[in-house]
Amino acid sequence: MSIIKFIRDVQSRFEAVPDPAAVFYNAIARKILAKPERKIADDIVEKTKSGTILDLGSGPGYLSIEVAKRAPSLQVYGIDLSRKMVQIARHHAKGVENVQFEFGNAADLPFEDDSIDFIVSTGSLHHWKRPAKVFNECCRVLKNCGEAWIYDCCYDALKKEADKVKKQYGFYGFWIYQILTKLKVTKLHGFSKEEYESKIKAILDQTRFRDSYRMELTDMWMKITLKKHR
């Protein structure tokens, strides 16, 4: 068994990021993911200018905070299964009144039916023990015609779009590419394109989103768009 496969097997047994890993992730996340997540925040605010947004697996909170700052009329909730991540996110969010971070499980969301306008998740899909349950929970809490954008790393995305990433992010993009590919970080945080098209697709086809989803490579991510229809 390769070390990569061994680590991925261990990851699949534990949904919550351990406290030491949360501190380490917080230290590097802003450097690696700040610009890509700012772009996602811009896209979200362009799509949804008012209402309630839910960030699943919000981690240190950077994406939720960026969205909240851009659109004060939005109420943003971030939930994470790591209490340490929630603590870190709350610290980062001081002074931003329209964002709130809570401990919670994406497979059992603490929200009423049809209460959320938009859902986003970045880099947490590979941690979900019960992804079908999470997808169905997203459908339950979303308002009719609401959307969820689920992003996770794709091994093949950076190779396919390396020139685009380097051009879009300049010198910063070059180092994103080097860190995520040369150190094989993406193999620990995401899936291959083939896995998305087989394993993840098979899961989605068993959920309430089975007739209303699409996948597309974008920058370093595979973006899964889910739309709720009654």
Protein backbone atom coordinates (compact mmCIF):
# COMPACT_ATOMS: atom_id res chain seq x y z
CA MET A 1 0.00 0.00 0.00
CA SER A 2 1.37 3.43 -0.95
CA ILE A 3 1.75 6.13 1.70
CA ILE A 4 -0.80 8.25 -0.19
CA LYS A 5 -3.40 5.46 -0.10
CA PHE A 6 -2.66 4.79 3.58
CA ILE A 7 -3.20 8.45 4.54
CA ARG A 8 -6.40 8.64 2.48
CA ASP A 9 -7.72 5.52 4.22
CA VAL A 10 -6.99 7.11 7.61
CA GLN A 11 -8.66 10.36 6.52
CA SER A 12 -11.83 8.50 5.56
CA ARG A 13 -12.23 7.25 9.15
CA PHE A 14 -12.16 10.68 10.76
CA GLU A 15 -14.39 13.49 9.51
CA ALA A 16 -13.26 16.18 11.94
CA VAL A 17 -9.80 17.67 11.53
CA PRO A 18 -7.77 16.99 14.74
CA ASP A 19 -6.82 20.08 16.76
CA PRO A 20 -3.08 20.07 15.85
CA ALA A 21 -3.97 19.69 12.16
CA ALA A 22 -6.49 22.54 12.46
CA VAL A 23 -3.77 24.86 13.75
CA PHE A 24 -1.40 23.78 10.96
CA TYR A 25 -4.11 24.13 8.31
CA ASN A 26 -4.93 27.62 9.52
CA ALA A 27 -1.28 28.59 9.17
CA ILE A 28 -1.00 27.52 5.53
CA ALA A 29 -4.56 27.88 4.23
CA ARG A 30 -4.49 31.65 3.91
CA LYS A 31 -1.27 31.52 1.90
CA ILE A 32 -2.41 28.77 -0.50
CA LEU A 33 -6.17 29.30 -0.74
CA ALA A 34 -6.66 33.04 -0.17
CA LYS A 35 -6.80 34.13 -3.82
CA PRO A 36 -8.76 31.12 -5.14
CA GLU A 37 -11.31 31.53 -2.34
CA ARG A 38 -11.60 35.28 -2.98
CA LYS A 39 -12.59 34.43 -6.55
CA ILE A 40 -15.23 32.00 -5.25
CA ALA A 41 -16.48 34.69 -2.86
CA ASP A 42 -16.83 37.12 -5.77
CA ASP A 43 -18.78 34.52 -7.76
CA ILE A 44 -21.08 33.79 -4.81
CA VAL A 45 -21.90 37.46 -4.19
CA GLU A 46 -22.57 37.96 -7.88
CA LYS A 47 -24.99 35.03 -7.75
CA THR A 48 -26.63 35.72 -4.38
CA LYS A 49 -26.79 39.29 -3.11
CA SER A 50 -29.22 38.79 -0.23
CA GLY A 51 -30.58 36.03 1.95
CA THR A 52 -28.87 33.25 3.88
CA ILE A 53 -25.71 31.40 2.90
CA LEU A 54 -24.38 28.22 4.50
CA ASP A 55 -20.70 27.22 4.30
CA LEU A 56 -20.22 23.49 4.96
CA GLY A 57 -16.88 22.59 6.51
CA SER A 58 -16.00 26.25 6.93
CA GLY A 59 -12.61 25.53 8.48
CA PRO A 60 -10.74 28.69 9.56
CA GLY A 61 -13.57 30.75 8.10
CA TYR A 62 -11.82 32.74 5.38
CA LEU A 63 -14.37 32.10 2.63
CA SER A 64 -17.38 32.80 4.86
CA ILE A 65 -15.80 36.03 6.08
CA GLU A 66 -14.91 37.18 2.56
CA VAL A 67 -18.52 36.63 1.43
CA ALA A 68 -19.91 38.42 4.51
CA LYS A 69 -17.65 41.43 3.98
CA ARG A 70 -18.63 41.74 0.32
CA ALA A 71 -22.37 41.61 0.97
CA PRO A 72 -23.52 42.99 4.36
CA SER A 73 -27.13 42.13 3.40
CA LEU A 74 -26.25 38.42 3.46
CA GLN A 75 -26.36 36.33 6.62
CA VAL A 76 -23.55 33.78 6.44
CA TYR A 77 -23.35 30.64 8.59
CA GLY A 78 -20.30 28.42 8.71
CA ILE A 79 -20.42 24.98 10.30
CA ASP A 80 -17.55 22.63 10.98
CA LEU A 81 -17.12 19.32 12.79
CA SER A 82 -13.87 20.53 14.37
CA ARG A 83 -14.41 22.63 17.49
CA LYS A 84 -10.88 24.01 17.07
CA MET A 85 -11.70 25.20 13.55
CA VAL A 86 -14.84 26.90 14.85
CA GLN A 87 -12.78 28.62 17.55
CA ILE A 88 -10.23 29.81 14.97
CA ALA A 89 -12.95 31.02 12.59
CA ARG A 90 -14.72 32.98 15.34
CA HIS A 91 -11.43 34.70 16.15
CA HIS A 92 -10.92 35.67 12.50
CA ALA A 93 -14.51 36.94 12.23
CA LYS A 94 -14.30 39.53 15.02
CA GLY A 95 -15.93 42.73 13.84
CA VAL A 96 -17.86 41.07 11.00
CA GLU A 97 -21.44 41.06 12.24
CA ASN A 98 -23.19 39.09 9.49
CA VAL A 99 -21.20 35.88 9.82
CA GLN A 100 -21.61 33.18 12.46
CA PHE A 101 -19.65 29.97 13.03
CA GLU A 102 -21.04 26.91 14.79
CA PHE A 103 -20.01 23.35 15.56
CA GLY A 104 -22.11 20.97 13.50
CA ASN A 105 -22.27 17.95 11.21
CA ALA A 106 -23.05 18.45 7.52
CA ALA A 107 -24.94 15.16 7.57
CA ASP A 108 -27.36 16.51 10.19
CA LEU A 109 -27.76 20.22 9.53
CA PRO A 110 -29.25 22.37 12.31
CA PHE A 111 -31.51 24.31 9.94
CA GLU A 112 -35.19 24.16 9.07
CA ASP A 113 -36.48 22.81 5.76
CA ASP A 114 -36.41 25.34 2.89
CA SER A 115 -34.54 27.93 4.96
CA ILE A 116 -31.23 28.47 3.12
CA ASP A 117 -30.78 30.44 -0.11
CA PHE A 118 -27.34 29.16 -1.08
CA ILE A 119 -24.80 26.56 0.08
CA VAL A 120 -21.08 26.44 -0.57
CA SER A 121 -18.36 24.01 0.47
CA THR A 122 -14.67 24.08 -0.38
CA GLY A 123 -12.31 21.20 0.28
CA SER A 124 -14.49 19.17 2.65
CA LEU A 125 -16.23 16.64 0.38
CA HIS A 126 -13.35 14.16 0.72
CA HIS A 127 -13.85 14.20 4.52
CA TRP A 128 -17.55 13.28 4.44
CA LYS A 129 -18.25 9.78 5.73
CA ARG A 130 -21.84 9.88 4.43
CA PRO A 131 -21.76 12.09 1.33
CA ALA A 132 -25.20 10.97 0.11
CA LYS A 133 -26.68 12.04 3.45
CA VAL A 134 -24.94 15.43 3.20
CA PHE A 135 -26.23 15.99 -0.34
CA ASN A 136 -29.76 15.12 0.77
CA GLU A 137 -29.45 17.44 3.76
CA CYS A 138 -28.42 20.22 1.38
CA CYS A 139 -31.56 19.56 -0.64
CA ARG A 140 -33.71 19.57 2.48
CA VAL A 141 -32.55 22.95 3.79
CA LEU A 142 -32.28 24.75 0.45
CA LYS A 143 -35.17 26.88 -0.71
CA ASN A 144 -36.80 25.91 -3.99
CA CYS A 145 -34.48 26.75 -6.92
CA GLY A 146 -31.62 27.30 -4.45
CA GLU A 147 -28.14 26.12 -5.41
CA ALA A 148 -25.20 24.44 -3.72
CA TRP A 149 -21.66 24.77 -5.05
CA ILE A 150 -19.45 21.95 -3.76
CA TYR A 151 -15.76 22.41 -4.52
CA ASP A 152 -13.00 19.91 -3.85
CA CYS A 153 -9.54 19.36 -5.26
CA CYS A 154 -9.10 17.35 -8.43
CA TYR A 155 -5.77 15.70 -9.12
CA ASP A 156 -6.09 16.40 -12.82
CA ALA A 157 -7.32 19.99 -12.69
CA LEU A 158 -4.02 21.73 -12.06
CA LYS A 159 -2.24 19.65 -14.71
CA LYS A 160 -4.93 20.44 -17.26
CA GLU A 161 -5.21 24.12 -16.38
CA ALA A 162 -1.66 24.81 -15.15
CA ASP A 163 -1.02 27.63 -17.62
CA LYS A 164 -4.38 29.24 -16.77
CA VAL A 165 -3.69 29.07 -13.02
CA LYS A 166 -0.19 30.50 -13.42
CA LYS A 167 -1.46 33.29 -15.67
CA GLN A 168 -4.44 34.15 -13.45
CA TYR A 169 -2.46 34.25 -10.21
CA GLY A 170 0.98 35.22 -11.54
CA PHE A 171 3.96 34.37 -9.33
CA TYR A 172 1.51 33.25 -6.66
CA GLY A 173 -0.07 30.84 -9.14
CA PHE A 174 3.30 29.30 -9.90
CA TRP A 175 3.77 28.43 -6.22
CA ILE A 176 0.21 27.09 -5.92
CA TYR A 177 1.03 24.75 -8.77
CA GLN A 178 4.37 23.68 -7.27
CA ILE A 179 3.01 23.07 -3.76
CA LEU A 180 -0.16 21.25 -4.77
CA THR A 181 1.35 19.06 -7.48
CA LYS A 182 5.01 18.45 -6.63
CA LEU A 183 4.21 17.72 -2.99
CA LYS A 184 1.14 15.70 -4.04
CA VAL A 185 -1.07 17.66 -1.66
CA THR A 186 -4.07 17.23 -3.95
CA LYS A 187 -3.82 13.43 -3.66
CA LEU A 188 -4.59 13.85 0.05
CA HIS A 189 -7.35 16.41 -0.44
CA GLY A 190 -9.74 15.44 -3.18
CA PHE A 191 -10.31 12.92 -5.96
CA SER A 192 -9.15 12.17 -9.47
CA LYS A 193 -11.31 13.19 -12.41
CA GLU A 194 -12.13 9.51 -12.94
CA GLU A 195 -13.27 9.19 -9.30
CA TYR A 196 -15.57 12.20 -9.67
CA GLU A 197 -17.06 10.75 -12.85
CA SER A 198 -17.56 7.32 -11.31
CA LYS A 199 -17.62 7.24 -7.50
CA ILE A 200 -19.03 10.72 -6.81
CA LYS A 201 -21.44 10.56 -9.74
CA ALA A 202 -22.77 7.20 -8.48
CA ILE A 203 -23.41 8.76 -5.06
CA LEU A 204 -25.15 11.80 -6.53
CA ASP A 205 -27.36 9.58 -8.67
CA GLN A 206 -28.77 8.09 -5.46
CA THR A 207 -29.70 11.48 -3.98
CA ARG A 208 -32.49 14.03 -4.45
CA PHE A 209 -30.15 15.91 -6.79
CA ARG A 210 -29.84 12.97 -9.20
CA ASP A 211 -31.46 14.86 -12.08
CA SER A 212 -30.12 18.32 -11.31
CA TYR A 213 -26.35 18.44 -10.94
CA ARG A 214 -23.30 19.09 -13.08
CA MET A 215 -19.53 18.87 -12.65
CA GLU A 216 -16.87 21.10 -14.15
CA LEU A 217 -13.17 21.64 -13.69
CA THR A 218 -12.33 25.17 -12.60
CA ASP A 219 -8.84 26.26 -11.57
CA MET A 220 -7.65 23.71 -8.98
CA TRP A 221 -11.16 22.53 -8.20
CA MET A 222 -13.85 20.20 -9.38
CA LYS A 223 -17.01 22.25 -8.95
CA ILE A 224 -20.25 20.34 -8.40
CA THR A 225 -23.32 22.50 -8.90
CA LEU A 226 -26.54 21.22 -7.34
CA LYS A 227 -29.93 22.86 -7.89
CA LYS A 228 -33.06 22.11 -5.91
CA HIS A 229 -36.33 21.58 -7.76
CA ARG A 230 -39.50 20.47 -6.01
